[in-house]
């Protein structure tokens, strides 16, 4: 019986610290596992949100490539760069010659582009003819000008059989 007690005492002496260590590990890691589980759930939600954002960005890029890119090319053809406006006077003079009206041109100022907005150059045109039809035809040509433009003011005046038309407007640039 003495051997049995010794052997039981030895086995309990070895087993109890192992069991205590295992129980301490379960409690310690059990608390950590809960914290890690919460972190995994949070990180998974964040990853899903970012995945959706990337998907939306890819969809926008596809839409841009399929639709807006071609529209932008059309806009850039209608809206000149600032350097292309150097021939603006010649372009207007050509329209005046086609419509058989006398022509005078002056720049009235410039508003530079800001941020993503457009800039514009203001102009004044004085034209004259002996009849109204050529002046109206010239005005129609200005309205259909190849660049994006705005006719802000038009005034007509007759003096001794000569009709004079003053036009104030803007041509936009990017």
C-alpha atoms as a PDB file:
ATOM      1  CA  UNK A   1       0.000   0.000   0.000  1.00  0.00           C
ATOM      2  CA  UNK A   2       2.916   2.288   0.591  1.00  0.00           C
ATOM      3  CA  UNK A   3       4.017   1.907  -2.985  1.00  0.00           C
ATOM      4  CA  UNK A   4       0.589   2.789  -4.191  1.00  0.00           C
ATOM      5  CA  UNK A   5       0.502   5.992  -2.118  1.00  0.00           C
ATOM      6  CA  UNK A   6       3.931   6.967  -3.380  1.00  0.00           C
ATOM      7  CA  UNK A   7       2.979   6.301  -6.942  1.00  0.00           C
ATOM      8  CA  UNK A   8      -0.340   8.146  -6.515  1.00  0.00           C
ATOM      9  CA  UNK A   9       1.396  11.085  -4.864  1.00  0.00           C
ATOM     10  CA  UNK A  10       4.002  11.182  -7.638  1.00  0.00           C
ATOM     11  CA  UNK A  11       1.389  11.076 -10.382  1.00  0.00           C
ATOM     12  CA  UNK A  12      -0.747  13.721  -8.656  1.00  0.00           C
ATOM     13  CA  UNK A  13       2.365  15.860  -8.111  1.00  0.00           C
ATOM     14  CA  UNK A  14       3.137  15.714 -11.821  1.00  0.00           C
ATOM     15  CA  UNK A  15      -0.467  15.833 -13.088  1.00  0.00           C
ATOM     16  CA  UNK A  16      -1.772  18.729 -10.979  1.00  0.00           C
ATOM     17  CA  UNK A  17       0.798  21.304 -12.185  1.00  0.00           C
ATOM     18  CA  UNK A  18       0.207  20.180 -15.779  1.00  0.00           C
ATOM     19  CA  UNK A  19      -3.578  20.460 -15.340  1.00  0.00           C
ATOM     20  CA  UNK A  20      -3.167  23.833 -13.579  1.00  0.00           C
ATOM     21  CA  UNK A  21      -0.942  25.048 -16.411  1.00  0.00           C
ATOM     22  CA  UNK A  22      -3.466  23.850 -19.006  1.00  0.00           C
ATOM     23  CA  UNK A  23      -6.374  25.519 -17.178  1.00  0.00           C
ATOM     24  CA  UNK A  24      -4.384  28.767 -16.843  1.00  0.00           C
ATOM     25  CA  UNK A  25      -3.586  28.585 -20.578  1.00  0.00           C
ATOM     26  CA  UNK A  26      -7.257  28.013 -21.454  1.00  0.00           C
ATOM     27  CA  UNK A  27      -8.373  31.027 -19.378  1.00  0.00           C
ATOM     28  CA  UNK A  28      -5.543  33.230 -20.603  1.00  0.00           C
ATOM     29  CA  UNK A  29      -5.897  32.320 -24.282  1.00  0.00           C
ATOM     30  CA  UNK A  30      -9.698  32.179 -24.025  1.00  0.00           C
ATOM     31  CA  UNK A  31      -9.739  35.912 -23.253  1.00  0.00           C
ATOM     32  CA  UNK A  32      -7.242  36.601 -26.027  1.00  0.00           C
ATOM     33  CA  UNK A  33      -9.202  34.490 -28.497  1.00  0.00           C
ATOM     34  CA  UNK A  34     -12.281  36.633 -27.829  1.00  0.00           C
ATOM     35  CA  UNK A  35     -10.278  39.818 -28.463  1.00  0.00           C
ATOM     36  CA  UNK A  36      -8.718  38.315 -31.588  1.00  0.00           C
ATOM     37  CA  UNK A  37     -12.159  37.211 -32.808  1.00  0.00           C
ATOM     38  CA  UNK A  38     -13.491  40.752 -32.452  1.00  0.00           C
ATOM     39  CA  UNK A  39     -10.454  42.126 -34.270  1.00  0.00           C
ATOM     40  CA  UNK A  40     -10.908  39.588 -37.082  1.00  0.00           C
ATOM     41  CA  UNK A  41     -14.599  40.530 -37.430  1.00  0.00           C
ATOM     42  CA  UNK A  42     -13.683  44.256 -37.530  1.00  0.00           C
ATOM     43  CA  UNK A  43     -10.865  43.702 -40.047  1.00  0.00           C
ATOM     44  CA  UNK A  44     -13.145  41.562 -42.217  1.00  0.00           C
ATOM     45  CA  UNK A  45     -15.772  44.342 -42.285  1.00  0.00           C
ATOM     46  CA  UNK A  46     -13.070  46.900 -43.148  1.00  0.00           C
ATOM     47  CA  UNK A  47     -11.748  44.657 -45.912  1.00  0.00           C
ATOM     48  CA  UNK A  48     -15.259  44.210 -47.339  1.00  0.00           C
ATOM     49  CA  UNK A  49     -15.781  47.983 -47.316  1.00  0.00           C
ATOM     50  CA  UNK A  50     -12.490  48.579 -49.091  1.00  0.00           C
ATOM     51  CA  UNK A  51     -13.245  45.824 -51.594  1.00  0.00           C
ATOM     52  CA  UNK A  52     -16.552  47.522 -52.414  1.00  0.00           C
ATOM     53  CA  UNK A  53     -14.755  50.843 -52.836  1.00  0.00           C
ATOM     54  CA  UNK A  54     -12.247  49.283 -55.223  1.00  0.00           C
ATOM     55  CA  UNK A  55     -15.092  47.653 -57.169  1.00  0.00           C
ATOM     56  CA  UNK A  56     -16.903  51.003 -57.454  1.00  0.00           C
ATOM     57  CA  UNK A  57     -13.688  52.661 -58.611  1.00  0.00           C
ATOM     58  CA  UNK A  58     -13.228  49.960 -61.248  1.00  0.00           C
ATOM     59  CA  UNK A  59     -16.841  50.478 -62.392  1.00  0.00           C
ATOM     60  CA  UNK A  60     -16.257  54.236 -62.653  1.00  0.00           C
ATOM     61  CA  UNK A  61     -13.094  53.674 -64.659  1.00  0.00           C
ATOM     62  CA  UNK A  62     -14.995  51.371 -67.020  1.00  0.00           C
ATOM     63  CA  UNK A  63     -17.738  53.974 -67.433  1.00  0.00           C
ATOM     64  CA  UNK A  64     -15.119  56.657 -68.093  1.00  0.00           C
ATOM     65  CA  UNK A  65     -13.385  54.532 -70.709  1.00  0.00           C
ATOM     66  CA  UNK A  66     -16.659  53.553 -72.390  1.00  0.00           C
ATOM     67  CA  UNK A  67     -18.507  56.873 -72.320  1.00  0.00           C
ATOM     68  CA  UNK A  68     -16.807  59.936 -70.926  1.00  0.00           C
ATOM     69  CA  UNK A  69     -13.473  59.506 -72.706  1.00  0.00           C
ATOM     70  CA  UNK A  70     -15.050  59.970 -76.133  1.00  0.00           C
ATOM     71  CA  UNK A  71     -17.141  62.868 -74.830  1.00  0.00           C
ATOM     72  CA  UNK A  72     -13.981  64.510 -73.476  1.00  0.00           C
ATOM     73  CA  UNK A  73     -12.411  64.319 -76.936  1.00  0.00           C
ATOM     74  CA  UNK A  74     -15.442  66.110 -78.368  1.00  0.00           C
ATOM     75  CA  UNK A  75     -15.175  68.771 -75.668  1.00  0.00           C
ATOM     76  CA  UNK A  76     -11.475  69.303 -76.300  1.00  0.00           C
ATOM     77  CA  UNK A  77     -12.245  69.819 -79.991  1.00  0.00           C
ATOM     78  CA  UNK A  78     -14.848  72.474 -79.110  1.00  0.00           C
ATOM     79  CA  UNK A  79     -12.874  74.088 -76.276  1.00  0.00           C
ATOM     80  CA  UNK A  80      -9.447  75.185 -77.504  1.00  0.00           C
ATOM     81  CA  UNK A  81      -6.298  75.509 -75.474  1.00  0.00           C
ATOM     82  CA  UNK A  82      -5.169  79.032 -74.640  1.00  0.00           C
ATOM     83  CA  UNK A  83      -2.448  78.896 -77.314  1.00  0.00           C
ATOM     84  CA  UNK A  84      -4.976  78.088 -80.041  1.00  0.00           C
ATOM     85  CA  UNK A  85      -6.715  81.426 -79.458  1.00  0.00           C
ATOM     86  CA  UNK A  86      -3.827  83.281 -81.088  1.00  0.00           C
ATOM     87  CA  UNK A  87      -5.656  82.999 -84.436  1.00  0.00           C
ATOM     88  CA  UNK A  88      -9.007  84.121 -83.046  1.00  0.00           C
ATOM     89  CA  UNK A  89      -8.918  87.449 -84.911  1.00  0.00           C
ATOM     90  CA  UNK A  90      -8.128  85.679 -88.203  1.00  0.00           C
ATOM     91  CA  UNK A  91     -10.961  83.203 -87.665  1.00  0.00           C
ATOM     92  CA  UNK A  92     -13.471  86.001 -87.056  1.00  0.00           C
ATOM     93  CA  UNK A  93     -12.077  87.989 -89.992  1.00  0.00           C
ATOM     94  CA  UNK A  94     -12.622  84.987 -92.246  1.00  0.00           C
ATOM     95  CA  UNK A  95     -16.263  84.763 -91.114  1.00  0.00           C
ATOM     96  CA  UNK A  96     -16.708  88.473 -91.821  1.00  0.00           C
ATOM     97  CA  UNK A  97     -15.233  88.103 -95.314  1.00  0.00           C
ATOM     98  CA  UNK A  98     -17.524  85.132 -96.059  1.00  0.00           C
ATOM     99  CA  UNK A  99     -20.529  87.252 -95.076  1.00  0.00           C
ATOM    100  CA  UNK A 100     -19.270  90.350 -96.943  1.00  0.00           C
ATOM    101  CA  UNK A 101     -19.206  92.752 -94.001  1.00  0.00           C
ATOM    102  CA  UNK A 102     -16.576  95.261 -92.900  1.00  0.00           C
ATOM    103  CA  UNK A 103     -14.878  94.117 -89.751  1.00  0.00           C
ATOM    104  CA  UNK A 104     -12.980  95.424 -86.714  1.00  0.00           C
ATOM    105  CA  UNK A 105     -11.824  93.312 -83.775  1.00  0.00           C
ATOM    106  CA  UNK A 106     -10.374  93.950 -80.315  1.00  0.00           C
ATOM    107  CA  UNK A 107      -9.685  91.863 -77.233  1.00  0.00           C
ATOM    108  CA  UNK A 108     -11.613  93.139 -74.212  1.00  0.00           C
ATOM    109  CA  UNK A 109      -9.923  91.133 -71.483  1.00  0.00           C
ATOM    110  CA  UNK A 110      -9.201  87.689 -70.160  1.00  0.00           C
ATOM    111  CA  UNK A 111     -10.413  85.666 -67.217  1.00  0.00           C
ATOM    112  CA  UNK A 112      -7.927  82.870 -66.482  1.00  0.00           C
ATOM    113  CA  UNK A 113      -9.151  79.381 -65.781  1.00  0.00           C
ATOM    114  CA  UNK A 114      -9.455  78.479 -62.124  1.00  0.00           C
ATOM    115  CA  UNK A 115      -9.173  74.961 -60.785  1.00  0.00           C
ATOM    116  CA  UNK A 116     -11.125  72.679 -63.081  1.00  0.00           C
ATOM    117  CA  UNK A 117     -13.158  75.543 -64.579  1.00  0.00           C
ATOM    118  CA  UNK A 118     -12.697  77.130 -67.975  1.00  0.00           C
ATOM    119  CA  UNK A 119     -11.062  80.445 -68.709  1.00  0.00           C
ATOM    120  CA  UNK A 120     -12.287  82.831 -71.355  1.00  0.00           C
ATOM    121  CA  UNK A 121     -11.168  85.670 -73.544  1.00  0.00           C
ATOM    122  CA  UNK A 122     -13.591  88.568 -74.026  1.00  0.00           C
ATOM    123  CA  UNK A 123     -13.774  90.279 -77.402  1.00  0.00           C
ATOM    124  CA  UNK A 124     -15.460  93.155 -79.209  1.00  0.00           C
ATOM    125  CA  UNK A 125     -16.337  93.057 -82.891  1.00  0.00           C
ATOM    126  CA  UNK A 126     -17.538  96.040 -84.884  1.00  0.00           C
ATOM    127  CA  UNK A 127     -18.919  95.257 -88.306  1.00  0.00           C
ATOM    128  CA  UNK A 128     -20.819  97.225 -90.876  1.00  0.00           C
ATOM    129  CA  UNK A 129     -22.666  96.733 -94.141  1.00  0.00           C
ATOM    130  CA  UNK A 130     -25.107  98.631 -96.291  1.00  0.00           C
ATOM    131  CA  UNK A 131     -27.852  96.045 -95.647  1.00  0.00           C
ATOM    132  CA  UNK A 132     -29.036  94.153 -92.564  1.00  0.00           C
ATOM    133  CA  UNK A 133     -28.977  90.625 -94.054  1.00  0.00           C
ATOM    134  CA  UNK A 134     -25.164  90.278 -94.271  1.00  0.00           C
ATOM    135  CA  UNK A 135     -24.838  91.462 -90.659  1.00  0.00           C
ATOM    136  CA  UNK A 136     -27.448  88.980 -89.451  1.00  0.00           C
ATOM    137  CA  UNK A 137     -25.727  86.229 -91.434  1.00  0.00           C
ATOM    138  CA  UNK A 138     -22.402  87.198 -89.826  1.00  0.00           C
ATOM    139  CA  UNK A 139     -24.047  87.111 -86.381  1.00  0.00           C
ATOM    140  CA  UNK A 140     -25.401  83.629 -87.133  1.00  0.00           C
ATOM    141  CA  UNK A 141     -21.858  82.552 -88.135  1.00  0.00           C
ATOM    142  CA  UNK A 142     -20.553  83.879 -84.811  1.00  0.00           C
ATOM    143  CA  UNK A 143     -23.193  81.874 -82.938  1.00  0.00           C
ATOM    144  CA  UNK A 144     -22.139  78.715 -84.784  1.00  0.00           C
ATOM    145  CA  UNK A 145     -18.420  79.391 -84.289  1.00  0.00           C
ATOM    146  CA  UNK A 146     -16.262  76.273 -84.075  1.00  0.00           C
ATOM    147  CA  UNK A 147     -15.175  76.984 -80.488  1.00  0.00           C
ATOM    148  CA  UNK A 148     -17.371  77.183 -77.420  1.00  0.00           C
ATOM    149  CA  UNK A 149     -18.330  80.832 -77.261  1.00  0.00           C
ATOM    150  CA  UNK A 150     -20.933  83.179 -75.889  1.00  0.00           C
ATOM    151  CA  UNK A 151     -22.422  86.252 -77.509  1.00  0.00           C
ATOM    152  CA  UNK A 152     -23.131  88.557 -74.565  1.00  0.00           C
ATOM    153  CA  UNK A 153     -24.364  91.723 -76.260  1.00  0.00           C
ATOM    154  CA  UNK A 154     -25.361  92.825 -79.764  1.00  0.00           C
ATOM    155  CA  UNK A 155     -26.301  96.344 -80.779  1.00  0.00           C
ATOM    156  CA  UNK A 156     -27.301  97.716 -84.184  1.00  0.00           C
ATOM    157  CA  UNK A 157     -27.106 101.302 -85.329  1.00  0.00           C
ATOM    158  CA  UNK A 158     -27.943 102.927 -88.656  1.00  0.00           C
ATOM    159  CA  UNK A 159     -26.188 106.067 -89.785  1.00  0.00           C
ATOM    160  CA  UNK A 160     -26.735 107.458 -93.271  1.00  0.00           C
ATOM    161  CA  UNK A 161     -27.552 104.146 -94.944  1.00  0.00           C
ATOM    162  CA  UNK A 162     -24.658 102.293 -93.232  1.00  0.00           C
ATOM    163  CA  UNK A 163     -25.693  99.733 -90.594  1.00  0.00           C
ATOM    164  CA  UNK A 164     -23.171  99.110 -87.830  1.00  0.00           C
ATOM    165  CA  UNK A 165     -23.298  96.096 -85.515  1.00  0.00           C
ATOM    166  CA  UNK A 166     -21.324  95.890 -82.272  1.00  0.00           C
ATOM    167  CA  UNK A 167     -20.887  92.439 -80.741  1.00  0.00           C
ATOM    168  CA  UNK A 168     -19.439  91.676 -77.304  1.00  0.00           C
ATOM    169  CA  UNK A 169     -18.704  88.060 -76.486  1.00  0.00           C
ATOM    170  CA  UNK A 170     -16.404  85.445 -74.998  1.00  0.00           C
ATOM    171  CA  UNK A 171     -14.512  82.423 -76.264  1.00  0.00           C
ATOM    172  CA  UNK A 172     -13.759  79.769 -73.639  1.00  0.00           C
ATOM    173  CA  UNK A 173     -10.496  77.852 -73.339  1.00  0.00           C
ATOM    174  CA  UNK A 174      -9.075  75.043 -71.204  1.00  0.00           C
END
